[in-house]
Amino acid sequence: MSNKTITIENFEELTAKMKTMEFSVEWKVSSDIGPDWIGSYRTIDFYLNECILTETKFCESLKDKLIKIIPIPNESKDYVITGDGDITLENKQLKIYYSWEKAIPYDNPSEYKEEKVLFYP
């Protein structure tokens, strides 16, 4: 994705942008120890087309809902967990079609899941 950013302050602003732009999310939870890192961490990035959403209270609320519905752990001892999803609007709610996988670094995934769920508001 690109380094361009876009600021969205509320649900109404997001739904207006979604009329002409694709909304998506990507996340990663690193394992505690990997080939070029030490310490597990989680990143979650939302995108409108190629623009990443800047951190706002609204963006944080989206992340909180996503973390609870999927769920996405804050850290992982042995596995790298990656996922992505396309988000659409359905009956004034956000619906995500996502997939994620869990693997030991540089190994084939040991778990995989995909699902569609309503997650916001």
N, C-alpha and C. Protein backbone atom coordinates (compact mmCIF):
# COMPACT_ATOMS: atom_id res chain seq x y z
N MET A 1 0.83 -1.18 0.00
CA MET A 1 0.00 0.00 0.00
C MET A 1 0.89 1.25 0.00
N SER A 2 0.27 2.39 -0.19
CA SER A 2 1.04 3.63 -0.31
C SER A 2 1.24 4.29 1.06
N ASN A 3 1.99 5.37 1.07
CA ASN A 3 2.21 6.14 2.29
C ASN A 3 1.22 7.29 2.44
N LYS A 4 0.29 7.44 1.51
CA LYS A 4 -0.72 8.50 1.60
C LYS A 4 -1.66 8.20 2.75
N THR A 5 -2.12 9.25 3.41
CA THR A 5 -3.05 9.07 4.52
C THR A 5 -4.34 9.84 4.27
N ILE A 6 -5.37 9.45 5.00
CA ILE A 6 -6.65 10.14 4.95
C ILE A 6 -7.21 10.13 6.37
N THR A 7 -7.81 11.23 6.78
CA THR A 7 -8.37 11.35 8.12
C THR A 7 -9.89 11.25 8.05
N ILE A 8 -10.42 10.33 8.84
CA ILE A 8 -11.87 10.12 8.94
C ILE A 8 -12.23 10.27 10.42
N GLU A 9 -13.14 11.19 10.72
CA GLU A 9 -13.46 11.50 12.11
C GLU A 9 -14.70 10.80 12.66
N ASN A 10 -15.58 10.28 11.76
CA ASN A 10 -16.81 9.66 12.26
C ASN A 10 -17.39 8.69 11.22
N PHE A 11 -18.41 7.96 11.66
CA PHE A 11 -19.04 6.94 10.83
C PHE A 11 -19.69 7.54 9.58
N GLU A 12 -20.32 8.68 9.72
CA GLU A 12 -21.00 9.32 8.59
C GLU A 12 -19.99 9.72 7.50
N GLU A 13 -18.87 10.24 7.93
CA GLU A 13 -17.82 10.62 6.98
C GLU A 13 -17.28 9.39 6.25
N LEU A 14 -17.09 8.29 7.01
CA LEU A 14 -16.61 7.05 6.40
C LEU A 14 -17.60 6.51 5.38
N THR A 15 -18.87 6.45 5.73
CA THR A 15 -19.86 5.89 4.80
C THR A 15 -19.98 6.75 3.54
N ALA A 16 -19.82 8.06 3.67
CA ALA A 16 -19.83 8.93 2.49
C ALA A 16 -18.65 8.60 1.57
N LYS A 17 -17.47 8.40 2.14
CA LYS A 17 -16.29 8.05 1.35
C LYS A 17 -16.41 6.67 0.71
N MET A 18 -17.09 5.76 1.42
CA MET A 18 -17.24 4.38 0.91
C MET A 18 -18.11 4.32 -0.35
N LYS A 19 -18.84 5.39 -0.66
CA LYS A 19 -19.65 5.41 -1.88
C LYS A 19 -18.77 5.44 -3.12
N THR A 20 -17.54 5.96 -2.99
CA THR A 20 -16.65 6.06 -4.14
C THR A 20 -15.29 5.40 -3.93
N MET A 21 -15.04 4.90 -2.72
CA MET A 21 -13.74 4.31 -2.41
C MET A 21 -13.92 2.94 -1.75
N GLU A 22 -12.96 2.05 -1.97
CA GLU A 22 -12.98 0.74 -1.33
C GLU A 22 -12.36 0.84 0.06
N PHE A 23 -13.02 0.19 1.04
CA PHE A 23 -12.56 0.22 2.42
C PHE A 23 -12.05 -1.17 2.78
N SER A 24 -10.84 -1.24 3.35
CA SER A 24 -10.25 -2.53 3.68
C SER A 24 -9.39 -2.41 4.94
N VAL A 25 -8.91 -3.55 5.41
CA VAL A 25 -8.07 -3.60 6.60
C VAL A 25 -7.01 -4.69 6.43
N GLU A 26 -5.86 -4.47 7.04
CA GLU A 26 -4.81 -5.48 7.10
C GLU A 26 -4.27 -5.49 8.53
N TRP A 27 -3.92 -6.68 9.03
CA TRP A 27 -3.34 -6.75 10.36
C TRP A 27 -2.24 -7.80 10.42
N LYS A 28 -1.38 -7.63 11.42
CA LYS A 28 -0.30 -8.58 11.67
C LYS A 28 -0.02 -8.61 13.16
N VAL A 29 0.15 -9.82 13.68
CA VAL A 29 0.61 -10.03 15.04
C VAL A 29 1.89 -10.84 14.90
N SER A 30 3.01 -10.26 15.31
CA SER A 30 4.28 -10.97 15.16
C SER A 30 4.45 -11.97 16.29
N SER A 31 5.27 -12.98 16.06
CA SER A 31 5.61 -13.91 17.12
C SER A 31 6.60 -13.23 18.06
N ASP A 32 6.83 -13.83 19.22
CA ASP A 32 7.71 -13.24 20.20
C ASP A 32 9.15 -13.13 19.68
N ILE A 33 9.60 -14.15 18.97
CA ILE A 33 10.95 -14.12 18.40
C ILE A 33 10.86 -14.55 16.94
N GLY A 34 11.45 -13.76 16.07
CA GLY A 34 11.48 -14.08 14.64
C GLY A 34 12.87 -13.91 14.10
N PRO A 35 13.03 -14.15 12.82
CA PRO A 35 14.37 -14.09 12.22
C PRO A 35 15.01 -12.70 12.28
N ASP A 36 14.22 -11.64 12.31
CA ASP A 36 14.81 -10.31 12.36
C ASP A 36 14.09 -9.39 13.36
N TRP A 37 13.49 -9.96 14.40
CA TRP A 37 12.85 -9.16 15.44
C TRP A 37 12.79 -9.93 16.75
N ILE A 38 12.64 -9.19 17.84
CA ILE A 38 12.41 -9.76 19.16
C ILE A 38 11.27 -8.95 19.77
N GLY A 39 10.27 -9.65 20.26
CA GLY A 39 9.13 -8.99 20.88
C GLY A 39 7.90 -9.03 19.98
N SER A 40 6.83 -9.56 20.51
CA SER A 40 5.59 -9.66 19.77
C SER A 40 4.87 -8.30 19.77
N TYR A 41 4.22 -7.98 18.67
CA TYR A 41 3.45 -6.75 18.57
C TYR A 41 2.32 -6.94 17.57
N ARG A 42 1.33 -6.04 17.65
CA ARG A 42 0.18 -6.10 16.74
C ARG A 42 0.08 -4.79 15.99
N THR A 43 -0.18 -4.88 14.68
CA THR A 43 -0.48 -3.69 13.87
C THR A 43 -1.80 -3.94 13.14
N ILE A 44 -2.61 -2.89 13.06
CA ILE A 44 -3.87 -2.94 12.33
C ILE A 44 -3.96 -1.65 11.53
N ASP A 45 -4.11 -1.78 10.22
CA ASP A 45 -4.21 -0.60 9.36
C ASP A 45 -5.46 -0.69 8.49
N PHE A 46 -6.26 0.39 8.51
CA PHE A 46 -7.43 0.50 7.65
C PHE A 46 -7.06 1.34 6.44
N TYR A 47 -7.66 1.03 5.29
CA TYR A 47 -7.37 1.73 4.04
C TYR A 47 -8.66 2.14 3.34
N LEU A 48 -8.65 3.33 2.77
CA LEU A 48 -9.64 3.75 1.78
C LEU A 48 -8.87 3.85 0.47
N ASN A 49 -9.19 2.97 -0.46
CA ASN A 49 -8.37 2.77 -1.66
C ASN A 49 -6.94 2.54 -1.20
N GLU A 50 -6.00 3.34 -1.63
CA GLU A 50 -4.59 3.16 -1.26
C GLU A 50 -4.17 4.03 -0.07
N CYS A 51 -5.09 4.78 0.50
CA CYS A 51 -4.76 5.71 1.58
C CYS A 51 -5.03 5.08 2.94
N ILE A 52 -4.04 5.15 3.82
CA ILE A 52 -4.19 4.59 5.16
C ILE A 52 -4.94 5.59 6.04
N LEU A 53 -5.87 5.09 6.88
CA LEU A 53 -6.58 5.96 7.81
C LEU A 53 -5.63 6.39 8.92
N THR A 54 -5.59 7.70 9.19
CA THR A 54 -4.77 8.19 10.30
C THR A 54 -5.44 7.82 11.62
N GLU A 55 -4.63 7.80 12.67
CA GLU A 55 -5.13 7.43 13.99
C GLU A 55 -6.01 8.55 14.54
N THR A 56 -7.28 8.25 14.71
CA THR A 56 -8.24 9.15 15.34
C THR A 56 -9.03 8.34 16.36
N LYS A 57 -9.84 8.99 17.16
CA LYS A 57 -10.70 8.25 18.10
C LYS A 57 -11.63 7.31 17.34
N PHE A 58 -12.13 7.76 16.20
CA PHE A 58 -13.01 6.91 15.41
C PHE A 58 -12.26 5.68 14.89
N CYS A 59 -11.05 5.87 14.38
CA CYS A 59 -10.24 4.76 13.89
C CYS A 59 -9.96 3.77 15.03
N GLU A 60 -9.67 4.28 16.22
CA GLU A 60 -9.45 3.41 17.38
C GLU A 60 -10.70 2.62 17.71
N SER A 61 -11.88 3.23 17.58
CA SER A 61 -13.12 2.50 17.87
C SER A 61 -13.34 1.39 16.85
N LEU A 62 -12.98 1.64 15.59
CA LEU A 62 -13.06 0.58 14.57
C LEU A 62 -12.14 -0.57 14.93
N LYS A 63 -10.91 -0.25 15.34
CA LYS A 63 -9.95 -1.29 15.73
C LYS A 63 -10.46 -2.09 16.91
N ASP A 64 -11.00 -1.41 17.92
CA ASP A 64 -11.50 -2.10 19.11
C ASP A 64 -12.61 -3.08 18.75
N LYS A 65 -13.54 -2.66 17.90
CA LYS A 65 -14.63 -3.56 17.47
C LYS A 65 -14.08 -4.74 16.69
N LEU A 66 -13.13 -4.48 15.80
CA LEU A 66 -12.53 -5.54 14.98
C LEU A 66 -11.80 -6.56 15.84
N ILE A 67 -11.03 -6.07 16.80
CA ILE A 67 -10.28 -6.95 17.70
C ILE A 67 -11.21 -7.88 18.46
N LYS A 68 -12.36 -7.37 18.87
CA LYS A 68 -13.31 -8.17 19.64
C LYS A 68 -14.05 -9.18 18.78
N ILE A 69 -14.42 -8.81 17.56
CA ILE A 69 -15.27 -9.68 16.74
C ILE A 69 -14.48 -10.81 16.09
N ILE A 70 -13.19 -10.62 15.79
CA ILE A 70 -12.47 -11.65 15.02
C ILE A 70 -11.95 -12.80 15.89
N PRO A 71 -11.35 -12.74 16.98
CA PRO A 71 -10.57 -11.73 17.67
C PRO A 71 -9.11 -11.72 17.19
N ILE A 72 -8.44 -10.58 17.38
CA ILE A 72 -7.04 -10.43 17.00
C ILE A 72 -6.25 -10.23 18.30
N PRO A 73 -5.36 -11.17 18.64
CA PRO A 73 -4.62 -11.04 19.91
C PRO A 73 -3.63 -9.88 19.87
N ASN A 74 -3.28 -9.40 21.05
CA ASN A 74 -2.31 -8.31 21.17
C ASN A 74 -0.88 -8.79 20.90
N GLU A 75 -0.62 -10.05 21.22
CA GLU A 75 0.71 -10.63 21.00
C GLU A 75 0.59 -12.13 20.78
N SER A 76 1.68 -12.74 20.34
CA SER A 76 1.70 -14.17 20.05
C SER A 76 3.09 -14.71 20.40
N LYS A 77 3.13 -15.80 21.13
CA LYS A 77 4.42 -16.36 21.53
C LYS A 77 5.16 -17.02 20.36
N ASP A 78 4.48 -17.91 19.65
CA ASP A 78 5.16 -18.73 18.64
C ASP A 78 4.77 -18.44 17.20
N TYR A 79 3.63 -17.82 16.97
CA TYR A 79 3.08 -17.71 15.62
C TYR A 79 3.04 -16.27 15.12
N VAL A 80 3.15 -16.12 13.81
CA VAL A 80 2.85 -14.87 13.14
C VAL A 80 1.42 -15.00 12.61
N ILE A 81 0.58 -14.06 12.95
CA ILE A 81 -0.82 -14.07 12.52
C ILE A 81 -1.02 -12.90 11.57
N THR A 82 -1.44 -13.19 10.36
CA THR A 82 -1.70 -12.13 9.38
C THR A 82 -3.13 -12.25 8.89
N GLY A 83 -3.70 -11.11 8.54
CA GLY A 83 -5.05 -11.14 8.02
C GLY A 83 -5.37 -9.89 7.24
N ASP A 84 -6.44 -9.99 6.47
CA ASP A 84 -6.92 -8.83 5.71
C ASP A 84 -8.40 -9.02 5.45
N GLY A 85 -9.05 -7.92 5.14
CA GLY A 85 -10.48 -7.99 4.87
C GLY A 85 -10.98 -6.83 4.04
N ASP A 86 -12.04 -7.10 3.30
CA ASP A 86 -12.75 -6.07 2.55
C ASP A 86 -14.00 -5.72 3.35
N ILE A 87 -14.23 -4.43 3.50
CA ILE A 87 -15.33 -3.95 4.34
C ILE A 87 -16.36 -3.23 3.48
N THR A 88 -17.61 -3.63 3.63
CA THR A 88 -18.71 -3.02 2.88
C THR A 88 -19.77 -2.53 3.85
N LEU A 89 -20.71 -1.76 3.32
CA LEU A 89 -21.80 -1.23 4.11
C LEU A 89 -23.05 -2.06 3.83
N GLU A 90 -23.68 -2.55 4.88
CA GLU A 90 -24.90 -3.35 4.74
C GLU A 90 -25.89 -2.92 5.81
N ASN A 91 -27.01 -2.36 5.39
CA ASN A 91 -28.05 -1.89 6.33
C ASN A 91 -27.48 -0.98 7.42
N LYS A 92 -26.68 0.00 7.01
CA LYS A 92 -26.09 0.99 7.91
C LYS A 92 -25.12 0.38 8.92
N GLN A 93 -24.59 -0.80 8.58
CA GLN A 93 -23.57 -1.44 9.40
C GLN A 93 -22.40 -1.84 8.51
N LEU A 94 -21.20 -1.87 9.10
CA LEU A 94 -20.04 -2.33 8.35
C LEU A 94 -19.98 -3.85 8.42
N LYS A 95 -19.75 -4.45 7.26
CA LYS A 95 -19.62 -5.90 7.16
C LYS A 95 -18.24 -6.19 6.60
N ILE A 96 -17.52 -7.11 7.25
CA ILE A 96 -16.18 -7.46 6.80
C ILE A 96 -16.16 -8.90 6.30
N TYR A 97 -15.54 -9.08 5.15
CA TYR A 97 -15.23 -10.41 4.64
C TYR A 97 -13.72 -10.53 4.79
N TYR A 98 -13.29 -11.37 5.73
CA TYR A 98 -11.87 -11.41 6.05
C TYR A 98 -11.32 -12.83 5.99
N SER A 99 -10.00 -12.89 5.93
CA SER A 99 -9.29 -14.15 6.07
C SER A 99 -8.05 -13.89 6.90
N TRP A 100 -7.62 -14.89 7.64
CA TRP A 100 -6.39 -14.79 8.41
C TRP A 100 -5.71 -16.14 8.44
N GLU A 101 -4.42 -16.10 8.71
CA GLU A 101 -3.67 -17.34 8.85
C GLU A 101 -2.65 -17.20 9.96
N LYS A 102 -2.30 -18.34 10.53
CA LYS A 102 -1.36 -18.40 11.64
C LYS A 102 -0.25 -19.36 11.25
N ALA A 103 1.02 -18.92 11.39
CA ALA A 103 2.14 -19.76 11.00
C ALA A 103 3.35 -19.46 11.86
N ILE A 104 4.19 -20.46 12.05
CA ILE A 104 5.50 -20.23 12.62
C ILE A 104 6.29 -19.46 11.57
N PRO A 105 7.12 -18.47 11.95
CA PRO A 105 7.84 -17.69 10.94
C PRO A 105 8.52 -18.56 9.88
N TYR A 106 8.32 -18.20 8.63
CA TYR A 106 8.87 -18.88 7.45
C TYR A 106 8.38 -20.32 7.28
N ASP A 107 7.23 -20.65 7.84
CA ASP A 107 6.64 -21.98 7.68
C ASP A 107 5.28 -21.82 7.02
N ASN A 108 4.72 -22.92 6.56
CA ASN A 108 3.38 -22.89 6.00
C ASN A 108 2.37 -22.67 7.12
N PRO A 109 1.24 -22.04 6.80
CA PRO A 109 0.23 -21.79 7.84
C PRO A 109 -0.27 -23.07 8.48
N SER A 110 -0.45 -23.02 9.79
CA SER A 110 -1.00 -24.17 10.51
C SER A 110 -2.50 -24.01 10.73
N GLU A 111 -3.00 -22.78 10.63
CA GLU A 111 -4.43 -22.50 10.73
C GLU A 111 -4.80 -21.44 9.71
N TYR A 112 -6.04 -21.53 9.22
CA TYR A 112 -6.54 -20.57 8.25
C TYR A 112 -8.04 -20.42 8.49
N LYS A 113 -8.54 -19.21 8.36
CA LYS A 113 -9.98 -19.00 8.54
C LYS A 113 -10.43 -17.86 7.64
N GLU A 114 -11.64 -17.97 7.12
CA GLU A 114 -12.26 -16.84 6.44
C GLU A 114 -13.72 -16.81 6.83
N GLU A 115 -14.27 -15.61 6.87
CA GLU A 115 -15.63 -15.43 7.39
C GLU A 115 -16.17 -14.06 7.00
N LYS A 116 -17.49 -13.93 7.01
CA LYS A 116 -18.16 -12.64 6.83
C LYS A 116 -18.92 -12.35 8.12
N VAL A 117 -18.71 -11.14 8.68
CA VAL A 117 -19.41 -10.75 9.90
C VAL A 117 -19.72 -9.25 9.88
N LEU A 118 -20.82 -8.88 10.52
CA LEU A 118 -21.12 -7.47 10.78
C LEU A 118 -20.30 -7.06 11.98
N PHE A 119 -19.66 -5.87 11.94
CA PHE A 119 -18.85 -5.52 13.09
C PHE A 119 -18.96 -4.08 13.58
N TYR A 120 -19.62 -3.21 12.87
CA TYR A 120 -19.70 -1.83 13.35
C TYR A 120 -20.98 -1.19 12.85
N PRO A 121 -21.70 -0.39 13.57
CA PRO A 121 -21.46 0.00 14.96
C PRO A 121 -21.91 -1.01 15.91
